[in-house]
Structures are given as C-alpha cells and as structure tokens.
Amino acid sequence: MVSVPATPTPPGECPQCWQHAHDRSLHRMLGPREDCPQCVDHMRNGCPYLVPKRSRWW
C-alpha cells in the first residue's frame, strides 16, 4: 500500500525522507525502538540529498 504525503515535498528535500518523516502510517507497524528497514537501507546506501556537494572553487 502506497500512502500519499499530506503535504508535497518541498524543493531540495528528498521525497523518501520527507514522506517517512511526515507520514505516520508508514511507521505505525513498528515496535518501540524498532528501526524502519526502508529508512535504514536509504541511509546506508545513501540519500542523494545528503551527499555533500564538491566546491568548484578548488
């Protein structure tokens, strides 16, 4: 089941991070202190919006 976020993803924000942070139904099935497997996989394999940009000055 795919749920639609209540608000659209703002420019410059990762759509998956935004949806998992603001859509409570995605994490409702998790137990106390249990990590979301999709969030962990997203952070370990790299969120494209958290990659530091290289400066062109160098």
PDB file of N, CA and C in Angstrom:
ATOM      1  N   MET A   1       0.839  -1.181   0.000  1.00  0.00           N
ATOM      2  CA  MET A   1       0.000   0.000   0.000  1.00  0.00           C
ATOM      3  C   MET A   1       0.885   1.246   0.000  1.00  0.00           C
ATOM      4  N   VAL A   2       0.642   2.117  -0.910  1.00  0.00           N
ATOM      5  CA  VAL A   2       1.404   3.358  -1.013  1.00  0.00           C
ATOM      6  C   VAL A   2       0.547   4.483  -0.461  1.00  0.00           C
ATOM      7  N   SER A   3       1.096   5.220   0.469  1.00  0.00           N
ATOM      8  CA  SER A   3       0.355   6.341   1.024  1.00  0.00           C
ATOM      9  C   SER A   3       0.940   7.644   0.492  1.00  0.00           C
ATOM     10  N   VAL A   4       0.098   8.605   0.304  1.00  0.00           N
ATOM     11  CA  VAL A   4       0.493   9.894  -0.243  1.00  0.00           C
ATOM     12  C   VAL A   4       0.739  10.846   0.918  1.00  0.00           C
ATOM     13  N   PRO A   5       1.872  11.569   0.913  1.00  0.00           N
ATOM     14  CA  PRO A   5       2.125  12.516   1.995  1.00  0.00           C
ATOM     15  C   PRO A   5       1.070  13.624   2.018  1.00  0.00           C
ATOM     16  N   ALA A   6       0.813  14.126   3.217  1.00  0.00           N
ATOM     17  CA  ALA A   6      -0.200  15.165   3.384  1.00  0.00           C
ATOM     18  C   ALA A   6       0.200  16.455   2.681  1.00  0.00           C
ATOM     19  N   THR A   7       1.475  16.755   2.683  1.00  0.00           N
ATOM     20  CA  THR A   7       1.955  17.957   2.012  1.00  0.00           C
ATOM     21  C   THR A   7       2.966  17.549   0.951  1.00  0.00           C
ATOM     22  N   PRO A   8       3.044  18.274  -0.135  1.00  0.00           N
ATOM     23  CA  PRO A   8       4.022  17.930  -1.172  1.00  0.00           C
ATOM     24  C   PRO A   8       5.451  18.139  -0.672  1.00  0.00           C
ATOM     25  N   THR A   9       6.345  17.397  -1.255  1.00  0.00           N
ATOM     26  CA  THR A   9       7.757  17.508  -0.879  1.00  0.00           C
ATOM     27  C   THR A   9       8.292  18.872  -1.297  1.00  0.00           C
ATOM     28  N   PRO A  10       8.869  19.625  -0.361  1.00  0.00           N
ATOM     29  CA  PRO A  10       9.429  20.932  -0.714  1.00  0.00           C
ATOM     30  C   PRO A  10      10.647  20.786  -1.627  1.00  0.00           C
ATOM     31  N   PRO A  11      10.941  21.800  -2.399  1.00  0.00           N
ATOM     32  CA  PRO A  11      12.120  21.754  -3.271  1.00  0.00           C
ATOM     33  C   PRO A  11      13.396  21.569  -2.449  1.00  0.00           C
ATOM     34  N   GLY A  12      14.265  20.709  -2.939  1.00  0.00           N
ATOM     35  CA  GLY A  12      15.529  20.472  -2.258  1.00  0.00           C
ATOM     36  C   GLY A  12      15.482  19.390  -1.203  1.00  0.00           C
ATOM     37  N   GLU A  13      14.318  18.830  -0.935  1.00  0.00           N
ATOM     38  CA  GLU A  13      14.169  17.774   0.061  1.00  0.00           C
ATOM     39  C   GLU A  13      14.043  16.421  -0.636  1.00  0.00           C
ATOM     40  N   CYS A  14      14.548  15.383  -0.009  1.00  0.00           N
ATOM     41  CA  CYS A  14      14.442  14.028  -0.542  1.00  0.00           C
ATOM     42  C   CYS A  14      12.999  13.552  -0.369  1.00  0.00           C
ATOM     43  N   PRO A  15      12.347  13.107  -1.439  1.00  0.00           N
ATOM     44  CA  PRO A  15      10.958  12.653  -1.322  1.00  0.00           C
ATOM     45  C   PRO A  15      10.773  11.496  -0.351  1.00  0.00           C
ATOM     46  N   GLN A  16      11.697  10.531  -0.328  1.00  0.00           N
ATOM     47  CA  GLN A  16      11.545   9.402   0.585  1.00  0.00           C
ATOM     48  C   GLN A  16      11.749   9.837   2.028  1.00  0.00           C
ATOM     49  N   CYS A  17      12.754  10.643   2.293  1.00  0.00           N
ATOM     50  CA  CYS A  17      12.983  11.136   3.655  1.00  0.00           C
ATOM     51  C   CYS A  17      11.788  11.951   4.132  1.00  0.00           C
ATOM     52  N   TRP A  18      11.272  12.818   3.270  1.00  0.00           N
ATOM     53  CA  TRP A  18      10.145  13.669   3.631  1.00  0.00           C
ATOM     54  C   TRP A  18       8.911  12.824   3.952  1.00  0.00           C
ATOM     55  N   GLN A  19       8.628  11.836   3.103  1.00  0.00           N
ATOM     56  CA  GLN A  19       7.451  11.003   3.304  1.00  0.00           C
ATOM     57  C   GLN A  19       7.570  10.196   4.594  1.00  0.00           C
ATOM     58  N   HIS A  20       8.733   9.619   4.847  1.00  0.00           N
ATOM     59  CA  HIS A  20       8.904   8.807   6.049  1.00  0.00           C
ATOM     60  C   HIS A  20       8.932   9.658   7.314  1.00  0.00           C
ATOM     61  N   ALA A  21       9.291  10.906   7.204  1.00  0.00           N
ATOM     62  CA  ALA A  21       9.307  11.782   8.376  1.00  0.00           C
ATOM     63  C   ALA A  21       7.922  12.328   8.709  1.00  0.00           C
ATOM     64  N   HIS A  22       7.053  12.486   7.715  1.00  0.00           N
ATOM     65  CA  HIS A  22       5.776  13.152   7.947  1.00  0.00           C
ATOM     66  C   HIS A  22       4.546  12.263   7.810  1.00  0.00           C
ATOM     67  N   ASP A  23       4.683  11.048   7.306  1.00  0.00           N
ATOM     68  CA  ASP A  23       3.547  10.141   7.145  1.00  0.00           C
ATOM     69  C   ASP A  23       3.620   9.078   8.239  1.00  0.00           C
ATOM     70  N   ARG A  24       2.863   9.255   9.296  1.00  0.00           N
ATOM     71  CA  ARG A  24       2.935   8.363  10.454  1.00  0.00           C
ATOM     72  C   ARG A  24       2.463   6.946  10.158  1.00  0.00           C
ATOM     73  N   SER A  25       1.663   6.758   9.116  1.00  0.00           N
ATOM     74  CA  SER A  25       1.152   5.425   8.819  1.00  0.00           C
ATOM     75  C   SER A  25       2.266   4.474   8.367  1.00  0.00           C
ATOM     76  N   LEU A  26       3.375   5.007   7.864  1.00  0.00           N
ATOM     77  CA  LEU A  26       4.477   4.169   7.407  1.00  0.00           C
ATOM     78  C   LEU A  26       5.196   3.487   8.569  1.00  0.00           C
ATOM     79  N   HIS A  27       5.251   4.121   9.726  1.00  0.00           N
ATOM     80  CA  HIS A  27       5.984   3.591  10.868  1.00  0.00           C
ATOM     81  C   HIS A  27       5.055   3.074  11.970  1.00  0.00           C
ATOM     82  N   ARG A  28       3.771   3.074  11.738  1.00  0.00           N
ATOM     83  CA  ARG A  28       2.809   2.660  12.757  1.00  0.00           C
ATOM     84  C   ARG A  28       2.986   1.192  13.147  1.00  0.00           C
ATOM     85  N   MET A  29       3.387   0.351  12.205  1.00  0.00           N
ATOM     86  CA  MET A  29       3.503  -1.089  12.464  1.00  0.00           C
ATOM     87  C   MET A  29       4.768  -1.461  13.235  1.00  0.00           C
ATOM     88  N   LEU A  30       5.701  -0.538  13.400  1.00  0.00           N
ATOM     89  CA  LEU A  30       6.956  -0.817  14.082  1.00  0.00           C
ATOM     90  C   LEU A  30       6.762  -0.834  15.594  1.00  0.00           C
ATOM     91  N   GLY A  31       7.552  -1.661  16.247  1.00  0.00           N
ATOM     92  CA  GLY A  31       7.515  -1.726  17.702  1.00  0.00           C
ATOM     93  C   GLY A  31       8.318  -0.593  18.311  1.00  0.00           C
ATOM     94  N   PRO A  32       8.303  -0.497  19.633  1.00  0.00           N
ATOM     95  CA  PRO A  32       9.083   0.545  20.295  1.00  0.00           C
ATOM     96  C   PRO A  32      10.583   0.340  20.048  1.00  0.00           C
ATOM     97  N   ARG A  33      11.259   1.396  19.723  1.00  0.00           N
ATOM     98  CA  ARG A  33      12.700   1.416  19.457  1.00  0.00           C
ATOM     99  C   ARG A  33      13.097   0.499  18.313  1.00  0.00           C
ATOM    100  N   GLU A  34      12.187   0.240  17.381  1.00  0.00           N
ATOM    101  CA  GLU A  34      12.470  -0.575  16.204  1.00  0.00           C
ATOM    102  C   GLU A  34      12.698   0.348  15.015  1.00  0.00           C
ATOM    103  N   ASP A  35      13.767   0.092  14.276  1.00  0.00           N
ATOM    104  CA  ASP A  35      14.102   0.923  13.118  1.00  0.00           C
ATOM    105  C   ASP A  35      13.309   0.484  11.890  1.00  0.00           C
ATOM    106  N   CYS A  36      12.967   1.441  11.067  1.00  0.00           N
ATOM    107  CA  CYS A  36      12.282   1.167   9.812  1.00  0.00           C
ATOM    108  C   CYS A  36      13.319   0.617   8.831  1.00  0.00           C
ATOM    109  N   PRO A  37      13.112  -0.595   8.290  1.00  0.00           N
ATOM    110  CA  PRO A  37      14.099  -1.164   7.365  1.00  0.00           C
ATOM    111  C   PRO A  37      14.317  -0.309   6.119  1.00  0.00           C
ATOM    112  N   GLN A  38      13.261   0.334   5.621  1.00  0.00           N
ATOM    113  CA  GLN A  38      13.410   1.178   4.438  1.00  0.00           C
ATOM    114  C   GLN A  38      14.249   2.414   4.748  1.00  0.00           C
ATOM    115  N   CYS A  39      14.055   3.007   5.918  1.00  0.00           N
ATOM    116  CA  CYS A  39      14.839   4.188   6.305  1.00  0.00           C
ATOM    117  C   CYS A  39      16.315   3.821   6.502  1.00  0.00           C
ATOM    118  N   VAL A  40      16.561   2.683   7.166  1.00  0.00           N
ATOM    119  CA  VAL A  40      17.937   2.246   7.402  1.00  0.00           C
ATOM    120  C   VAL A  40      18.630   1.972   6.075  1.00  0.00           C
ATOM    121  N   ASP A  41      17.949   1.274   5.164  1.00  0.00           N
ATOM    122  CA  ASP A  41      18.523   0.981   3.850  1.00  0.00           C
ATOM    123  C   ASP A  41      18.807   2.268   3.080  1.00  0.00           C
ATOM    124  N   HIS A  42      17.898   3.226   3.164  1.00  0.00           N
ATOM    125  CA  HIS A  42      18.055   4.503   2.462  1.00  0.00           C
ATOM    126  C   HIS A  42      19.257   5.276   2.995  1.00  0.00           C
ATOM    127  N   MET A  43      19.453   5.257   4.318  1.00  0.00           N
ATOM    128  CA  MET A  43      20.578   5.986   4.898  1.00  0.00           C
ATOM    129  C   MET A  43      21.907   5.269   4.650  1.00  0.00           C
ATOM    130  N   ARG A  44      21.905   3.935   4.689  1.00  0.00           N
ATOM    131  CA  ARG A  44      23.152   3.191   4.467  1.00  0.00           C
ATOM    132  C   ARG A  44      23.598   3.235   3.016  1.00  0.00           C
ATOM    133  N   ASN A  45      22.662   3.135   2.094  1.00  0.00           N
ATOM    134  CA  ASN A  45      23.004   3.132   0.675  1.00  0.00           C
ATOM    135  C   ASN A  45      23.118   4.532   0.105  1.00  0.00           C
ATOM    136  N   GLY A  46      22.771   5.503   0.906  1.00  0.00           N
ATOM    137  CA  GLY A  46      22.973   6.883   0.502  1.00  0.00           C
ATOM    138  C   GLY A  46      21.721   7.596   0.062  1.00  0.00           C
ATOM    139  N   CYS A  47      21.447   8.656   0.730  1.00  0.00           N
ATOM    140  CA  CYS A  47      20.372   9.556   0.340  1.00  0.00           C
ATOM    141  C   CYS A  47      21.005  10.574  -0.609  1.00  0.00           C
ATOM    142  N   PRO A  48      20.471  10.712  -1.819  1.00  0.00           N
ATOM    143  CA  PRO A  48      21.103  11.621  -2.776  1.00  0.00           C
ATOM    144  C   PRO A  48      21.102  13.084  -2.336  1.00  0.00           C
ATOM    145  N   TYR A  49      20.254  13.424  -1.386  1.00  0.00           N
ATOM    146  CA  TYR A  49      20.186  14.809  -0.932  1.00  0.00           C
ATOM    147  C   TYR A  49      21.134  15.086   0.224  1.00  0.00           C
ATOM    148  N   LEU A  50      21.717  14.033   0.841  1.00  0.00           N
ATOM    149  CA  LEU A  50      22.643  14.228   1.948  1.00  0.00           C
ATOM    150  C   LEU A  50      24.103  14.184   1.510  1.00  0.00           C
ATOM    151  N   VAL A  51      24.348  13.930   0.243  1.00  0.00           N
ATOM    152  CA  VAL A  51      25.717  13.881  -0.284  1.00  0.00           C
ATOM    153  C   VAL A  51      26.253  15.305  -0.366  1.00  0.00           C
ATOM    154  N   PRO A  52      27.394  15.564   0.276  1.00  0.00           N
ATOM    155  CA  PRO A  52      27.935  16.929   0.198  1.00  0.00           C
ATOM    156  C   PRO A  52      28.365  17.263  -1.228  1.00  0.00           C
ATOM    157  N   LYS A  53      28.083  18.463  -1.614  1.00  0.00           N
ATOM    158  CA  LYS A  53      28.449  18.924  -2.955  1.00  0.00           C
ATOM    159  C   LYS A  53      29.907  19.373  -2.947  1.00  0.00           C
ATOM    160  N   ARG A  54      30.619  19.031  -3.999  1.00  0.00           N
ATOM    161  CA  ARG A  54      32.005  19.470  -4.121  1.00  0.00           C
ATOM    162  C   ARG A  54      32.040  20.915  -4.597  1.00  0.00           C
ATOM    163  N   SER A  55      32.906  21.656  -4.008  1.00  0.00           N
ATOM    164  CA  SER A  55      33.053  23.056  -4.379  1.00  0.00           C
ATOM    165  C   SER A  55      33.784  23.160  -5.708  1.00  0.00           C
ATOM    166  N   ARG A  56      33.349  24.023  -6.594  1.00  0.00           N
ATOM    167  CA  ARG A  56      34.020  24.239  -7.868  1.00  0.00           C
ATOM    168  C   ARG A  56      35.175  25.233  -7.733  1.00  0.00           C
ATOM    169  N   TRP A  57      35.295  25.789  -6.529  1.00  0.00           N
ATOM    170  CA  TRP A  57      36.339  26.773  -6.320  1.00  0.00           C
ATOM    171  C   TRP A  57      37.709  26.119  -6.397  1.00  0.00           C
ATOM    172  N   TRP A  58      37.830  24.865  -5.930  1.00  0.00           N
ATOM    173  CA  TRP A  58      39.112  24.168  -5.937  1.00  0.00           C
ATOM    174  C   TRP A  58      39.366  23.728  -7.303  1.00  0.00           C
TER     175      TRP A  58
END
